[in-house]
Amino acid sequence: MGYRDAGLTMTRIDETFARLRAEGKKAFVAYVMGGDPDYDTSLEIVRGLPAAGVDIIELGMPFTDPMADGPTIQLAGQRALEAGQTLDKTLDLARALRETDDATPIVMMGYYNPIYSRGVDRFLADAKDAGIDGLIVVDLPPEEDSELCIPAQAAGLNFIRLATPTTDDARLPKVLQNTSGFVYYVSITGITGAAQAQASDVAPEVARIKSATDLPVIVGFGVKTPELAESIAGVADGTVVGSAIVKMVEDGKPVPEILGFVADLAAGAHRA
């Protein structure tokens, strides 16, 4: 199912993939935690991502109980919350990026609780106003589509679903049912940043998903180096790096060094 079936107009995400296809390039997606280690540093990083070659920005919503995330992202969320990050401030980061960049898609990634607390309708209106293009909400299965997925698509936001090595052929159609924008394939079983992804394991899984949807398939979890970004992007429509970037924030690296690392990762994915 593509975005047209879901009744969506072309989003920035769709336009980005169309452009990359025309250029014969794979996508590089970077994940950063909103407000980590503090709002100002986070904004500096986010604003620098497009120039570093990032095609789509995944902006983490800090949450107290991030069950899909490994220690690196968990700690990032804690740092952000301790520094005073809120859902409003994460939306503010997106708004601030939109002042200088109207083309790079922003996908908010996180958990349903903060959205539910705010109220779905209010959240979707605020997200749309802030220039958000899509949502990845890891703890809402397809059975709960009426909760957020359907309203999000009606509001013009892509709802991006995760498929994993344990998503079998019986389950896959359900996972793809109301997905739009792209499919996020989790390359390993387990949490973010744990094991290392292997292109040989990923390739047949990506092919299986692509036989069931015309959406781009982006692979994440366990991609840590430019070489790995290149090999994984080579067997998919692109790759996501999160923990390796967030680890540099945790280590207190200066922003130019972080963005330099991101640029190396992006160049790797774009070489594929």
Protein backbone atom coordinates (compact mmCIF):
# COMPACT_ATOMS: atom_id res chain seq x y z
CA MET A 1 0.00 0.00 0.00
CA GLY A 2 1.33 3.45 -0.90
CA TYR A 3 0.43 6.88 0.41
CA ARG A 4 -2.18 7.38 -2.33
CA ASP A 5 -4.17 4.43 -1.05
CA ALA A 6 -4.08 5.96 2.41
CA GLY A 7 -5.52 9.17 1.01
CA LEU A 8 -2.36 11.16 1.68
CA THR A 9 -1.03 13.88 -0.55
CA MET A 10 2.71 13.86 -1.33
CA THR A 11 4.65 14.48 1.87
CA ARG A 12 8.23 15.68 2.21
CA ILE A 13 9.14 12.03 2.82
CA ASP A 14 7.60 10.93 -0.49
CA GLU A 15 9.29 13.81 -2.31
CA THR A 16 12.67 12.94 -0.77
CA PHE A 17 12.48 9.31 -1.90
CA ALA A 18 11.33 10.37 -5.38
CA ARG A 19 14.34 12.71 -5.63
CA LEU A 20 16.78 10.06 -4.39
CA ARG A 21 15.37 7.50 -6.85
CA ALA A 22 15.83 10.00 -9.69
CA GLU A 23 19.45 10.52 -8.56
CA GLY A 24 20.05 6.78 -8.18
CA LYS A 25 20.91 7.25 -4.51
CA LYS A 26 20.03 5.49 -1.27
CA ALA A 27 18.66 7.40 1.74
CA PHE A 28 20.59 8.24 4.87
CA VAL A 29 18.46 8.75 7.98
CA ALA A 30 19.94 10.08 11.22
CA TYR A 31 18.35 9.71 14.66
CA VAL A 32 19.01 12.22 17.43
CA MET A 33 17.28 12.55 20.78
CA GLY A 34 15.44 15.86 21.12
CA GLY A 35 17.04 17.98 23.85
CA ASP A 36 20.16 15.84 24.35
CA PRO A 37 22.37 16.90 26.11
CA ASP A 38 20.44 20.20 26.29
CA TYR A 39 18.12 22.16 24.04
CA ASP A 40 20.69 24.54 22.52
CA THR A 41 23.26 21.85 21.68
CA SER A 42 20.50 19.63 20.31
CA LEU A 43 19.27 22.44 18.06
CA GLU A 44 22.80 23.06 16.79
CA ILE A 45 23.13 19.38 15.89
CA VAL A 46 19.68 19.18 14.24
CA ARG A 47 20.32 22.32 12.19
CA GLY A 48 23.63 20.88 10.98
CA LEU A 49 22.24 17.52 9.85
CA PRO A 50 20.95 18.49 6.36
CA ALA A 51 24.31 20.01 5.35
CA ALA A 52 26.02 16.83 6.62
CA GLY A 53 24.07 14.85 4.02
CA VAL A 54 21.14 13.62 6.10
CA ASP A 55 18.09 12.95 3.93
CA ILE A 56 15.57 12.38 6.75
CA ILE A 57 15.86 13.40 10.40
CA GLU A 58 14.45 11.15 13.11
CA LEU A 59 13.81 13.25 16.19
CA GLY A 60 13.48 11.27 19.39
CA MET A 61 10.82 12.23 21.93
CA PRO A 62 12.40 11.65 25.34
CA PHE A 63 10.34 9.31 27.49
CA THR A 64 10.88 7.79 30.93
CA ASP A 65 10.33 4.16 29.88
CA PRO A 66 11.84 3.57 26.41
CA MET A 67 11.46 -0.20 26.22
CA ALA A 68 12.75 -0.72 22.64
CA ASP A 69 15.95 1.22 23.26
CA GLY A 70 19.34 0.12 24.47
CA PRO A 71 21.43 1.89 27.12
CA THR A 72 22.76 4.60 24.76
CA ILE A 73 19.34 5.94 23.74
CA GLN A 74 17.89 5.37 27.23
CA LEU A 75 20.61 7.56 28.72
CA ALA A 76 20.05 10.18 26.02
CA GLY A 77 16.39 10.38 26.99
CA GLN A 78 17.32 10.72 30.66
CA ARG A 79 19.83 13.50 29.90
CA ALA A 80 17.25 15.35 27.83
CA LEU A 81 14.53 15.05 30.50
CA GLU A 82 16.94 16.16 33.22
CA ALA A 83 17.88 19.17 31.10
CA GLY A 84 14.19 20.14 30.97
CA GLN A 85 13.18 18.75 27.59
CA THR A 86 9.43 18.41 27.06
CA LEU A 87 7.22 17.43 24.14
CA ASP A 88 6.66 21.16 23.49
CA LYS A 89 10.41 21.75 23.32
CA THR A 90 10.86 18.82 20.93
CA LEU A 91 8.23 20.37 18.65
CA ASP A 92 10.09 23.68 19.05
CA LEU A 93 13.26 22.01 17.70
CA ALA A 94 11.34 21.07 14.56
CA ARG A 95 9.92 24.59 14.25
CA ALA A 96 13.41 26.06 14.60
CA LEU A 97 14.78 23.79 11.87
CA ARG A 98 11.92 24.79 9.57
CA GLU A 99 13.09 28.43 9.82
CA THR A 100 16.23 27.49 7.85
CA ASP A 101 15.19 24.26 6.07
CA ASP A 102 11.81 23.58 4.49
CA ALA A 103 12.80 20.45 2.56
CA THR A 104 14.32 17.89 4.95
CA PRO A 105 11.66 15.55 6.35
CA ILE A 106 11.38 15.25 10.13
CA VAL A 107 10.00 12.06 11.67
CA MET A 108 9.21 12.06 15.37
CA MET A 109 10.11 8.76 16.97
CA GLY A 110 9.11 7.54 20.38
CA TYR A 111 6.36 6.09 22.49
CA TYR A 112 2.63 6.64 22.69
CA ASN A 113 2.36 7.79 26.30
CA PRO A 114 3.44 11.46 25.81
CA ILE A 115 1.14 11.73 22.77
CA TYR A 116 -1.78 10.15 24.63
CA SER A 117 -1.22 12.48 27.58
CA ARG A 118 -1.37 15.50 25.31
CA GLY A 119 -4.41 14.24 23.42
CA VAL A 120 -4.12 12.83 19.91
CA ASP A 121 -5.96 15.62 18.07
CA ARG A 122 -4.01 18.37 19.80
CA PHE A 123 -0.72 16.55 19.25
CA LEU A 124 -1.36 16.02 15.54
CA ALA A 125 -2.33 19.66 15.03
CA ASP A 126 0.81 20.80 16.91
CA ALA A 127 3.05 18.37 15.01
CA LYS A 128 1.68 19.47 11.66
CA ASP A 129 2.13 23.12 12.66
CA ALA A 130 5.73 22.46 13.71
CA GLY A 131 6.59 20.95 10.32
CA ILE A 132 6.67 17.29 11.33
CA ASP A 133 6.21 14.88 8.40
CA GLY A 134 5.87 11.47 9.98
CA LEU A 135 5.63 9.45 13.18
CA ILE A 136 7.24 6.25 14.40
CA VAL A 137 5.52 5.10 17.58
CA VAL A 138 7.12 1.82 18.53
CA ASP A 139 4.60 0.61 21.12
CA LEU A 140 1.41 0.93 19.03
CA PRO A 141 0.73 -2.30 17.10
CA PRO A 142 -1.48 -2.35 13.97
CA GLU A 143 -4.39 -3.55 16.11
CA GLU A 144 -4.46 -0.03 17.60
CA ASP A 145 -4.48 1.82 14.26
CA SER A 146 -7.65 3.74 15.09
CA GLU A 147 -5.84 5.22 18.11
CA LEU A 148 -3.21 7.27 16.26
CA CYS A 149 -2.23 5.82 12.88
CA ILE A 150 -5.50 6.55 11.01
CA PRO A 151 -5.92 10.06 12.53
CA ALA A 152 -2.25 10.85 11.73
CA GLN A 153 -2.65 9.92 8.07
CA ALA A 154 -5.89 11.92 7.92
CA ALA A 155 -3.89 14.91 9.23
CA GLY A 156 -1.34 14.45 6.42
CA LEU A 157 1.41 12.79 8.48
CA ASN A 158 3.07 9.55 7.40
CA PHE A 159 2.76 6.74 9.92
CA ILE A 160 5.88 4.58 9.65
CA ARG A 161 5.84 1.07 10.97
CA LEU A 162 8.61 -1.21 12.17
CA ALA A 163 9.07 -4.68 10.71
CA THR A 164 11.50 -7.05 12.43
CA PRO A 165 13.20 -10.41 11.84
CA THR A 166 10.27 -11.99 13.73
CA THR A 167 7.60 -10.41 11.47
CA ASP A 168 6.59 -13.54 9.58
CA ASP A 169 4.63 -13.77 6.33
CA ALA A 170 1.35 -14.13 8.21
CA ARG A 171 1.98 -10.96 10.19
CA LEU A 172 3.58 -8.80 7.50
CA PRO A 173 0.38 -7.74 5.64
CA LYS A 174 -1.04 -6.46 8.94
CA VAL A 175 2.12 -4.46 9.64
CA LEU A 176 2.04 -2.93 6.14
CA GLN A 177 -1.70 -2.26 6.12
CA ASN A 178 -1.81 1.43 7.01
CA THR A 179 1.90 2.21 6.78
CA SER A 180 3.05 5.12 4.62
CA GLY A 181 6.27 7.04 3.93
CA PHE A 182 8.59 4.07 4.35
CA VAL A 183 8.93 0.79 6.21
CA TYR A 184 11.56 0.73 8.96
CA TYR A 185 13.16 -2.71 9.04
CA VAL A 186 14.80 -3.51 12.39
CA SER A 187 17.86 -5.53 11.37
CA ILE A 188 18.38 -7.41 14.62
CA THR A 189 16.21 -8.94 17.31
CA GLY A 190 16.53 -6.95 20.52
CA ILE A 191 17.18 -3.37 21.46
CA THR A 192 18.83 -0.43 19.68
CA GLY A 193 22.60 -0.28 19.56
CA ALA A 194 23.13 -3.86 20.73
CA ALA A 195 24.36 -6.16 17.95
CA GLN A 196 25.82 -5.26 14.57
CA ALA A 197 23.66 -5.52 11.47
CA GLN A 198 24.83 -7.81 8.64
CA ALA A 199 23.94 -7.12 5.01
CA SER A 200 23.79 -10.87 4.26
CA ASP A 201 21.07 -11.34 6.90
CA VAL A 202 19.20 -8.17 5.93
CA ALA A 203 19.05 -8.63 2.13
CA PRO A 204 16.55 -11.54 1.96
CA GLU A 205 14.33 -9.87 4.58
CA VAL A 206 14.24 -6.59 2.66
CA ALA A 207 13.39 -8.49 -0.51
CA ARG A 208 10.55 -10.25 1.31
CA ILE A 209 9.10 -6.94 2.53
CA LYS A 210 9.51 -5.29 -0.88
CA SER A 211 7.57 -8.13 -2.51
CA ALA A 212 4.62 -7.10 -0.33
CA THR A 213 4.77 -3.28 -0.62
CA ASP A 214 5.93 -0.55 -3.00
CA LEU A 215 7.11 1.58 -0.07
CA PRO A 216 10.85 2.18 0.43
CA VAL A 217 12.46 -0.08 3.06
CA ILE A 218 14.98 1.58 5.37
CA VAL A 219 17.15 -0.53 7.67
CA GLY A 220 18.19 0.47 11.18
CA PHE A 221 19.40 -0.85 14.58
CA GLY A 222 23.03 -2.00 14.67
CA VAL A 223 24.52 0.28 11.97
CA LYS A 224 27.58 2.00 13.44
CA THR A 225 30.18 2.78 10.76
CA PRO A 226 30.31 4.36 7.28
CA GLU A 227 31.30 0.95 5.85
CA LEU A 228 28.31 -0.72 7.45
CA ALA A 229 26.01 2.13 6.33
CA GLU A 230 27.22 1.50 2.78
CA SER A 231 26.74 -2.28 2.88
CA ILE A 232 23.30 -2.10 4.54
CA ALA A 233 22.06 0.70 2.25
CA GLY A 234 23.30 -1.46 -0.65
CA VAL A 235 20.65 -4.10 0.07
CA ALA A 236 17.81 -1.69 1.00
CA ASP A 237 16.52 1.76 0.06
CA GLY A 238 18.65 3.35 2.76
CA THR A 239 19.84 3.08 6.32
CA VAL A 240 19.31 4.67 9.74
CA VAL A 241 22.02 5.42 12.29
CA GLY A 242 21.06 6.41 15.83
CA SER A 243 23.03 4.97 18.75
CA ALA A 244 26.47 5.63 17.20
CA ILE A 245 25.60 9.33 16.79
CA VAL A 246 23.98 9.59 20.21
CA LYS A 247 27.07 7.96 21.79
CA MET A 248 29.17 10.88 20.55
CA VAL A 249 26.77 13.28 22.27
CA GLU A 250 27.08 11.19 25.45
CA ASP A 251 30.89 11.38 25.19
CA GLY A 252 30.67 15.16 25.04
CA LYS A 253 32.19 15.48 21.56
CA PRO A 254 31.99 18.98 20.04
CA VAL A 255 29.15 19.52 17.58
CA PRO A 256 31.43 19.93 14.51
CA GLU A 257 33.00 16.52 15.28
CA ILE A 258 29.55 14.92 15.63
CA LEU A 259 28.42 16.42 12.33
CA GLY A 260 31.67 15.29 10.68
CA PHE A 261 30.94 11.71 11.76
CA VAL A 262 27.37 12.05 10.44
CA ALA A 263 28.76 13.30 7.12
CA ASP A 264 31.01 10.21 6.87
CA LEU A 265 28.02 7.93 7.58
CA ALA A 266 25.88 9.76 5.00
CA ALA A 267 28.64 9.50 2.40
CA GLY A 268 28.82 5.76 3.08
CA ALA A 269 25.08 5.30 2.54
CA HIS A 270 25.15 7.48 -0.57
CA ARG A 271 28.00 5.41 -2.06
CA ALA A 272 25.81 2.30 -1.98
